[in-house]
């Protein structure tokens, strides 16, 4: 795999990078959301940078936070 790039990702797109073997896109998204919800510091930082819960994309700043806490996909 090429080096992971910090950029804007669709939530499903990023979830599939973390969970490439998920049976469905929704399953991958559910798993990523679970990981985020279980990490209080990450969840707080994402909220602090103004991430709307219904957003379809992660901004580069949000992706950088996720990678900081969860590692690269």
N, C-alpha and C. Protein backbone atom coordinates (compact mmCIF):
# COMPACT_ATOMS: atom_id res chain seq x y z
N UNK A 1 0.85 -1.19 0.00
CA UNK A 1 0.00 0.00 0.00
C UNK A 1 0.89 1.24 0.00
N UNK A 2 0.47 2.25 -0.75
CA UNK A 2 1.19 3.51 -0.77
C UNK A 2 1.10 4.17 0.60
N UNK A 3 1.97 5.17 0.81
CA UNK A 3 1.89 5.91 2.06
C UNK A 3 0.52 6.58 2.18
N UNK A 4 -0.03 6.51 3.37
CA UNK A 4 -1.33 7.11 3.62
C UNK A 4 -1.21 8.63 3.55
N UNK A 5 -2.14 9.28 2.89
CA UNK A 5 -2.12 10.73 2.73
C UNK A 5 -3.23 11.36 3.58
N UNK A 6 -2.85 12.42 4.29
CA UNK A 6 -3.83 13.20 5.05
C UNK A 6 -4.50 14.13 4.06
N UNK A 7 -5.79 13.94 3.86
CA UNK A 7 -6.59 14.75 2.94
C UNK A 7 -8.05 14.57 3.34
N UNK A 8 -8.95 15.19 2.62
CA UNK A 8 -10.38 14.99 2.85
C UNK A 8 -10.76 13.59 2.37
N UNK A 9 -11.47 12.85 3.21
CA UNK A 9 -11.98 11.52 2.86
C UNK A 9 -13.46 11.47 3.15
N UNK A 10 -14.21 10.79 2.31
CA UNK A 10 -15.57 10.45 2.66
C UNK A 10 -15.52 9.52 3.86
N UNK A 11 -16.50 9.61 4.73
CA UNK A 11 -16.48 8.77 5.93
C UNK A 11 -16.43 7.29 5.57
N UNK A 12 -17.21 6.88 4.59
CA UNK A 12 -17.21 5.48 4.17
C UNK A 12 -15.86 5.10 3.55
N UNK A 13 -15.29 6.00 2.78
CA UNK A 13 -13.99 5.75 2.15
C UNK A 13 -12.92 5.50 3.21
N UNK A 14 -12.87 6.35 4.23
CA UNK A 14 -11.88 6.16 5.29
C UNK A 14 -12.16 4.89 6.07
N UNK A 15 -13.42 4.63 6.35
CA UNK A 15 -13.79 3.42 7.09
C UNK A 15 -13.33 2.17 6.35
N UNK A 16 -13.48 2.15 5.03
CA UNK A 16 -13.05 0.99 4.25
C UNK A 16 -11.53 0.85 4.22
N UNK A 17 -10.81 1.95 4.38
CA UNK A 17 -9.35 1.84 4.50
C UNK A 17 -8.96 1.18 5.81
N UNK A 18 -9.69 1.49 6.87
CA UNK A 18 -9.43 0.86 8.17
C UNK A 18 -9.95 -0.58 8.24
N UNK A 19 -11.05 -0.84 7.56
CA UNK A 19 -11.68 -2.16 7.61
C UNK A 19 -11.92 -2.70 6.20
N UNK A 20 -10.83 -3.03 5.48
CA UNK A 20 -10.98 -3.46 4.09
C UNK A 20 -11.70 -4.80 3.93
N UNK A 21 -11.77 -5.59 4.97
CA UNK A 21 -12.42 -6.89 4.89
C UNK A 21 -13.85 -6.89 5.40
N UNK A 22 -14.37 -5.69 5.67
CA UNK A 22 -15.76 -5.60 6.12
C UNK A 22 -16.68 -6.12 5.01
N UNK A 23 -17.74 -6.76 5.40
CA UNK A 23 -18.67 -7.33 4.42
C UNK A 23 -19.44 -6.25 3.66
N UNK A 24 -19.68 -5.11 4.33
CA UNK A 24 -20.40 -4.01 3.70
C UNK A 24 -19.73 -2.69 4.06
N UNK A 25 -20.01 -1.68 3.27
CA UNK A 25 -19.51 -0.34 3.57
C UNK A 25 -20.08 0.13 4.91
N UNK A 26 -21.35 -0.15 5.14
CA UNK A 26 -21.97 0.26 6.40
C UNK A 26 -21.31 -0.43 7.58
N UNK A 27 -20.94 -1.69 7.41
CA UNK A 27 -20.24 -2.41 8.47
C UNK A 27 -18.91 -1.77 8.80
N UNK A 28 -18.17 -1.37 7.77
CA UNK A 28 -16.89 -0.69 7.99
C UNK A 28 -17.11 0.63 8.71
N UNK A 29 -18.12 1.37 8.29
CA UNK A 29 -18.43 2.66 8.92
C UNK A 29 -18.85 2.47 10.37
N UNK A 30 -19.66 1.46 10.64
CA UNK A 30 -20.06 1.17 12.02
C UNK A 30 -18.84 0.85 12.88
N UNK A 31 -17.91 0.08 12.34
CA UNK A 31 -16.70 -0.27 13.10
C UNK A 31 -15.86 0.96 13.41
N UNK A 32 -15.65 1.82 12.40
CA UNK A 32 -14.86 3.03 12.64
C UNK A 32 -15.55 3.93 13.65
N UNK A 33 -16.86 4.10 13.51
CA UNK A 33 -17.59 4.92 14.48
C UNK A 33 -17.49 4.34 15.88
N UNK A 34 -17.49 3.03 16.00
CA UNK A 34 -17.35 2.38 17.30
C UNK A 34 -15.97 2.69 17.88
N UNK A 35 -14.93 2.55 17.07
CA UNK A 35 -13.58 2.85 17.55
C UNK A 35 -13.48 4.29 18.03
N UNK A 36 -14.06 5.21 17.27
CA UNK A 36 -14.02 6.63 17.65
C UNK A 36 -14.80 6.84 18.94
N UNK A 37 -15.96 6.24 19.06
CA UNK A 37 -16.80 6.45 20.25
C UNK A 37 -16.15 5.88 21.51
N UNK A 38 -15.33 4.85 21.36
CA UNK A 38 -14.66 4.23 22.51
C UNK A 38 -13.40 4.97 22.93
N UNK A 39 -12.96 5.93 22.13
CA UNK A 39 -11.76 6.70 22.45
C UNK A 39 -12.20 8.11 22.84
N UNK A 40 -12.35 8.33 24.15
CA UNK A 40 -12.91 9.59 24.65
C UNK A 40 -12.10 10.80 24.21
N UNK A 41 -10.78 10.69 24.22
CA UNK A 41 -9.95 11.83 23.82
C UNK A 41 -10.14 12.17 22.34
N UNK A 42 -10.16 11.15 21.50
CA UNK A 42 -10.38 11.38 20.07
C UNK A 42 -11.76 11.97 19.84
N UNK A 43 -12.76 11.40 20.46
CA UNK A 43 -14.13 11.89 20.29
C UNK A 43 -14.23 13.37 20.70
N UNK A 44 -13.61 13.72 21.84
CA UNK A 44 -13.64 15.10 22.32
C UNK A 44 -12.93 16.03 21.35
N UNK A 45 -11.76 15.62 20.85
CA UNK A 45 -11.01 16.48 19.93
C UNK A 45 -11.76 16.68 18.61
N UNK A 46 -12.41 15.63 18.13
CA UNK A 46 -13.21 15.78 16.91
C UNK A 46 -14.36 16.75 17.14
N UNK A 47 -14.99 16.66 18.30
CA UNK A 47 -16.08 17.59 18.63
C UNK A 47 -15.55 19.01 18.78
N UNK A 48 -14.37 19.15 19.40
CA UNK A 48 -13.78 20.47 19.61
C UNK A 48 -13.42 21.17 18.30
N UNK A 49 -13.08 20.39 17.26
CA UNK A 49 -12.75 21.03 15.98
C UNK A 49 -14.00 21.26 15.14
N UNK A 50 -15.17 21.00 15.70
CA UNK A 50 -16.44 21.36 15.07
C UNK A 50 -16.99 20.35 14.09
N UNK A 51 -16.60 19.09 14.21
CA UNK A 51 -17.09 18.07 13.29
C UNK A 51 -18.59 17.87 13.49
N UNK A 52 -19.41 18.18 12.47
CA UNK A 52 -20.84 17.90 12.59
C UNK A 52 -21.08 16.39 12.50
N UNK A 53 -21.95 15.88 13.32
CA UNK A 53 -22.16 14.43 13.37
C UNK A 53 -22.74 13.88 12.07
N UNK A 54 -23.44 14.70 11.31
CA UNK A 54 -24.05 14.23 10.07
C UNK A 54 -23.21 14.53 8.82
N UNK A 55 -21.99 15.02 9.01
CA UNK A 55 -21.13 15.32 7.87
C UNK A 55 -20.83 14.05 7.09
N UNK A 56 -20.67 14.18 5.79
CA UNK A 56 -20.38 13.05 4.92
C UNK A 56 -18.88 12.81 4.75
N UNK A 57 -18.08 13.82 5.13
CA UNK A 57 -16.63 13.75 4.93
C UNK A 57 -15.88 14.09 6.21
N UNK A 58 -14.66 13.59 6.26
CA UNK A 58 -13.70 14.02 7.28
C UNK A 58 -12.75 15.01 6.63
N UNK A 59 -12.54 16.14 7.29
CA UNK A 59 -11.59 17.13 6.80
C UNK A 59 -10.17 16.61 7.04
N UNK A 60 -9.17 17.22 6.40
CA UNK A 60 -7.80 16.80 6.68
C UNK A 60 -7.44 16.89 8.17
N UNK A 61 -7.93 17.90 8.84
CA UNK A 61 -7.65 18.04 10.28
C UNK A 61 -8.25 16.87 11.07
N UNK A 62 -9.47 16.49 10.73
CA UNK A 62 -10.13 15.37 11.41
C UNK A 62 -9.43 14.06 11.10
N UNK A 63 -9.01 13.88 9.84
CA UNK A 63 -8.28 12.67 9.46
C UNK A 63 -6.97 12.59 10.25
N UNK A 64 -6.28 13.73 10.37
CA UNK A 64 -5.02 13.75 11.13
C UNK A 64 -5.25 13.34 12.58
N UNK A 65 -6.34 13.79 13.18
CA UNK A 65 -6.66 13.40 14.56
C UNK A 65 -6.93 11.91 14.65
N UNK A 66 -7.70 11.38 13.71
CA UNK A 66 -8.02 9.96 13.72
C UNK A 66 -6.75 9.13 13.60
N UNK A 67 -5.86 9.53 12.70
CA UNK A 67 -4.60 8.80 12.51
C UNK A 67 -3.72 8.92 13.74
N UNK A 68 -3.74 10.07 14.39
CA UNK A 68 -2.94 10.24 15.62
C UNK A 68 -3.38 9.25 16.68
N UNK A 69 -4.67 9.06 16.84
CA UNK A 69 -5.19 8.20 17.89
C UNK A 69 -5.29 6.72 17.48
N UNK A 70 -5.62 6.46 16.23
CA UNK A 70 -5.87 5.08 15.80
C UNK A 70 -4.74 4.50 14.95
N UNK A 71 -3.81 5.34 14.53
CA UNK A 71 -2.76 4.88 13.64
C UNK A 71 -3.23 4.95 12.19
N UNK A 72 -2.31 4.72 11.27
CA UNK A 72 -2.69 4.73 9.86
C UNK A 72 -3.47 3.47 9.53
N UNK A 73 -4.41 3.60 8.59
CA UNK A 73 -5.16 2.40 8.18
C UNK A 73 -4.28 1.41 7.46
